[in-house]
Amino acid sequence: MKKHKSTRRATTGTRKTTGRTRNVTAALATLSEVAASLNVRPTQVRRLVARGELPCVHVGRYLRIPTSAVRRLLATTTPLPVRAVKNPGQGVQT
């Protein structure tokens, strides 16, 4: 029995738009990628998504975060001041 070729072409993650090709998947990042770039754990990224502070896109059962949303979050968030830490192992000198 002869197999029929599918008329659908496989997608490669690129979309042709007005004469130029752009990578569609590069605009989305995984939770782990966002967590690594923010230097936090993935659960903290999930909390930001749950609170509505970071928009997400559901791709099947996975969450993807637009990289533009991460840049926007970093631009609008004020950094916390760095606390002074005593040298570990050294007691108070009198």
C-alpha atoms as a PDB file:
ATOM      1  CA  MET A   1       0.000   0.000   0.000  1.00  0.00           C
ATOM      2  CA  LYS A   2       1.374   3.381  -0.995  1.00  0.00           C
ATOM      3  CA  LYS A   3       1.559   6.128   1.622  1.00  0.00           C
ATOM      4  CA  HIS A   4       0.246   9.537   0.698  1.00  0.00           C
ATOM      5  CA  LYS A   5       2.401  12.561   1.241  1.00  0.00           C
ATOM      6  CA  SER A   6       0.998  15.103   3.598  1.00  0.00           C
ATOM      7  CA  THR A   7      -0.036  18.393   2.058  1.00  0.00           C
ATOM      8  CA  ARG A   8       0.899  20.218   5.279  1.00  0.00           C
ATOM      9  CA  ARG A   9       4.451  21.436   5.583  1.00  0.00           C
ATOM     10  CA  ALA A  10       6.348  21.201   8.824  1.00  0.00           C
ATOM     11  CA  THR A  11       6.850  24.511  10.595  1.00  0.00           C
ATOM     12  CA  THR A  12      10.366  25.541  11.465  1.00  0.00           C
ATOM     13  CA  GLY A  13       9.623  28.297  13.963  1.00  0.00           C
ATOM     14  CA  THR A  14      10.011  31.093  11.433  1.00  0.00           C
ATOM     15  CA  ARG A  15       7.326  33.149   9.833  1.00  0.00           C
ATOM     16  CA  LYS A  16       7.593  35.121   6.623  1.00  0.00           C
ATOM     17  CA  THR A  17       6.539  38.716   7.191  1.00  0.00           C
ATOM     18  CA  THR A  18       6.726  41.488   4.608  1.00  0.00           C
ATOM     19  CA  GLY A  19       9.788  40.231   2.795  1.00  0.00           C
ATOM     20  CA  ARG A  20      11.875  39.363   5.843  1.00  0.00           C
ATOM     21  CA  THR A  21      11.982  36.316   8.070  1.00  0.00           C
ATOM     22  CA  ARG A  22      11.871  36.578  11.842  1.00  0.00           C
ATOM     23  CA  ASN A  23      12.257  33.876  14.439  1.00  0.00           C
ATOM     24  CA  VAL A  24       8.966  33.513  16.302  1.00  0.00           C
ATOM     25  CA  THR A  25      10.274  31.303  19.106  1.00  0.00           C
ATOM     26  CA  ALA A  26      13.115  33.695  19.987  1.00  0.00           C
ATOM     27  CA  ALA A  27      10.511  36.127  21.339  1.00  0.00           C
ATOM     28  CA  LEU A  28       9.421  33.575  23.975  1.00  0.00           C
ATOM     29  CA  ALA A  29      11.478  32.203  26.854  1.00  0.00           C
ATOM     30  CA  THR A  30      10.945  29.281  29.212  1.00  0.00           C
ATOM     31  CA  LEU A  31      10.498  29.698  32.961  1.00  0.00           C
ATOM     32  CA  SER A  32      14.012  28.388  33.536  1.00  0.00           C
ATOM     33  CA  GLU A  33      15.516  30.837  31.044  1.00  0.00           C
ATOM     34  CA  VAL A  34      13.713  33.788  32.628  1.00  0.00           C
ATOM     35  CA  ALA A  35      14.697  32.623  36.123  1.00  0.00           C
ATOM     36  CA  ALA A  36      18.346  32.352  35.077  1.00  0.00           C
ATOM     37  CA  SER A  37      18.347  35.820  33.529  1.00  0.00           C
ATOM     38  CA  LEU A  38      16.727  37.315  36.655  1.00  0.00           C
ATOM     39  CA  ASN A  39      18.944  35.256  38.983  1.00  0.00           C
ATOM     40  CA  VAL A  40      15.947  33.789  40.840  1.00  0.00           C
ATOM     41  CA  ARG A  41      14.350  30.360  41.074  1.00  0.00           C
ATOM     42  CA  PRO A  42      11.640  29.266  38.601  1.00  0.00           C
ATOM     43  CA  THR A  43       9.066  29.259  41.433  1.00  0.00           C
ATOM     44  CA  GLN A  44       9.577  33.008  41.844  1.00  0.00           C
ATOM     45  CA  VAL A  45       8.860  33.482  38.136  1.00  0.00           C
ATOM     46  CA  ARG A  46       5.674  31.423  38.567  1.00  0.00           C
ATOM     47  CA  ARG A  47       4.658  33.714  41.447  1.00  0.00           C
ATOM     48  CA  LEU A  48       5.159  36.780  39.247  1.00  0.00           C
ATOM     49  CA  VAL A  49       2.959  35.178  36.592  1.00  0.00           C
ATOM     50  CA  ALA A  50       0.285  34.195  39.157  1.00  0.00           C
ATOM     51  CA  ARG A  51       0.188  37.763  40.545  1.00  0.00           C
ATOM     52  CA  GLY A  52      -0.194  39.163  37.045  1.00  0.00           C
ATOM     53  CA  GLU A  53       3.092  41.074  37.188  1.00  0.00           C
ATOM     54  CA  LEU A  54       4.565  39.061  34.321  1.00  0.00           C
ATOM     55  CA  PRO A  55       2.356  38.084  31.363  1.00  0.00           C
ATOM     56  CA  CYS A  56       2.708  34.608  29.901  1.00  0.00           C
ATOM     57  CA  VAL A  57       1.615  32.571  26.911  1.00  0.00           C
ATOM     58  CA  HIS A  58       0.365  29.001  27.241  1.00  0.00           C
ATOM     59  CA  VAL A  59       1.871  26.717  24.614  1.00  0.00           C
ATOM     60  CA  GLY A  60       0.091  23.451  25.213  1.00  0.00           C
ATOM     61  CA  ARG A  61       0.694  22.717  28.877  1.00  0.00           C
ATOM     62  CA  TYR A  62       3.836  24.841  29.053  1.00  0.00           C
ATOM     63  CA  LEU A  63       4.251  28.485  29.993  1.00  0.00           C
ATOM     64  CA  ARG A  64       6.329  30.774  27.833  1.00  0.00           C
ATOM     65  CA  ILE A  65       7.240  34.304  28.799  1.00  0.00           C
ATOM     66  CA  PRO A  66       7.619  37.016  26.142  1.00  0.00           C
ATOM     67  CA  THR A  67      11.118  38.471  26.335  1.00  0.00           C
ATOM     68  CA  SER A  68       9.645  41.932  25.851  1.00  0.00           C
ATOM     69  CA  ALA A  69       7.648  41.429  29.074  1.00  0.00           C
ATOM     70  CA  VAL A  70      10.833  40.538  30.964  1.00  0.00           C
ATOM     71  CA  ARG A  71      12.552  43.683  29.666  1.00  0.00           C
ATOM     72  CA  ARG A  72       9.497  45.750  30.646  1.00  0.00           C
ATOM     73  CA  LEU A  73       9.495  44.225  34.145  1.00  0.00           C
ATOM     74  CA  LEU A  74      13.177  45.058  34.605  1.00  0.00           C
ATOM     75  CA  ALA A  75      12.650  48.614  33.378  1.00  0.00           C
ATOM     76  CA  THR A  76       9.776  49.308  35.777  1.00  0.00           C
ATOM     77  CA  THR A  77      11.153  47.561  38.862  1.00  0.00           C
ATOM     78  CA  THR A  78      13.342  49.502  41.256  1.00  0.00           C
ATOM     79  CA  PRO A  79      16.321  47.576  42.612  1.00  0.00           C
ATOM     80  CA  LEU A  80      16.557  46.934  46.330  1.00  0.00           C
ATOM     81  CA  PRO A  81      19.459  48.461  48.224  1.00  0.00           C
ATOM     82  CA  VAL A  82      22.331  46.129  48.983  1.00  0.00           C
ATOM     83  CA  ARG A  83      22.728  45.354  52.690  1.00  0.00           C
ATOM     84  CA  ALA A  84      26.127  45.527  54.285  1.00  0.00           C
ATOM     85  CA  VAL A  85      27.306  42.111  55.447  1.00  0.00           C
ATOM     86  CA  LYS A  86      29.799  41.557  58.216  1.00  0.00           C
ATOM     87  CA  ASN A  87      32.793  39.441  57.425  1.00  0.00           C
ATOM     88  CA  PRO A  88      31.888  35.874  58.360  1.00  0.00           C
ATOM     89  CA  GLY A  89      34.029  34.293  61.029  1.00  0.00           C
ATOM     90  CA  GLN A  90      35.166  37.544  62.527  1.00  0.00           C
ATOM     91  CA  GLY A  91      33.721  38.655  65.815  1.00  0.00           C
ATOM     92  CA  VAL A  92      33.174  42.156  66.994  1.00  0.00           C
ATOM     93  CA  GLN A  93      36.483  43.776  67.672  1.00  0.00           C
ATOM     94  CA  THR A  94      36.835  45.904  70.794  1.00  0.00           C
END
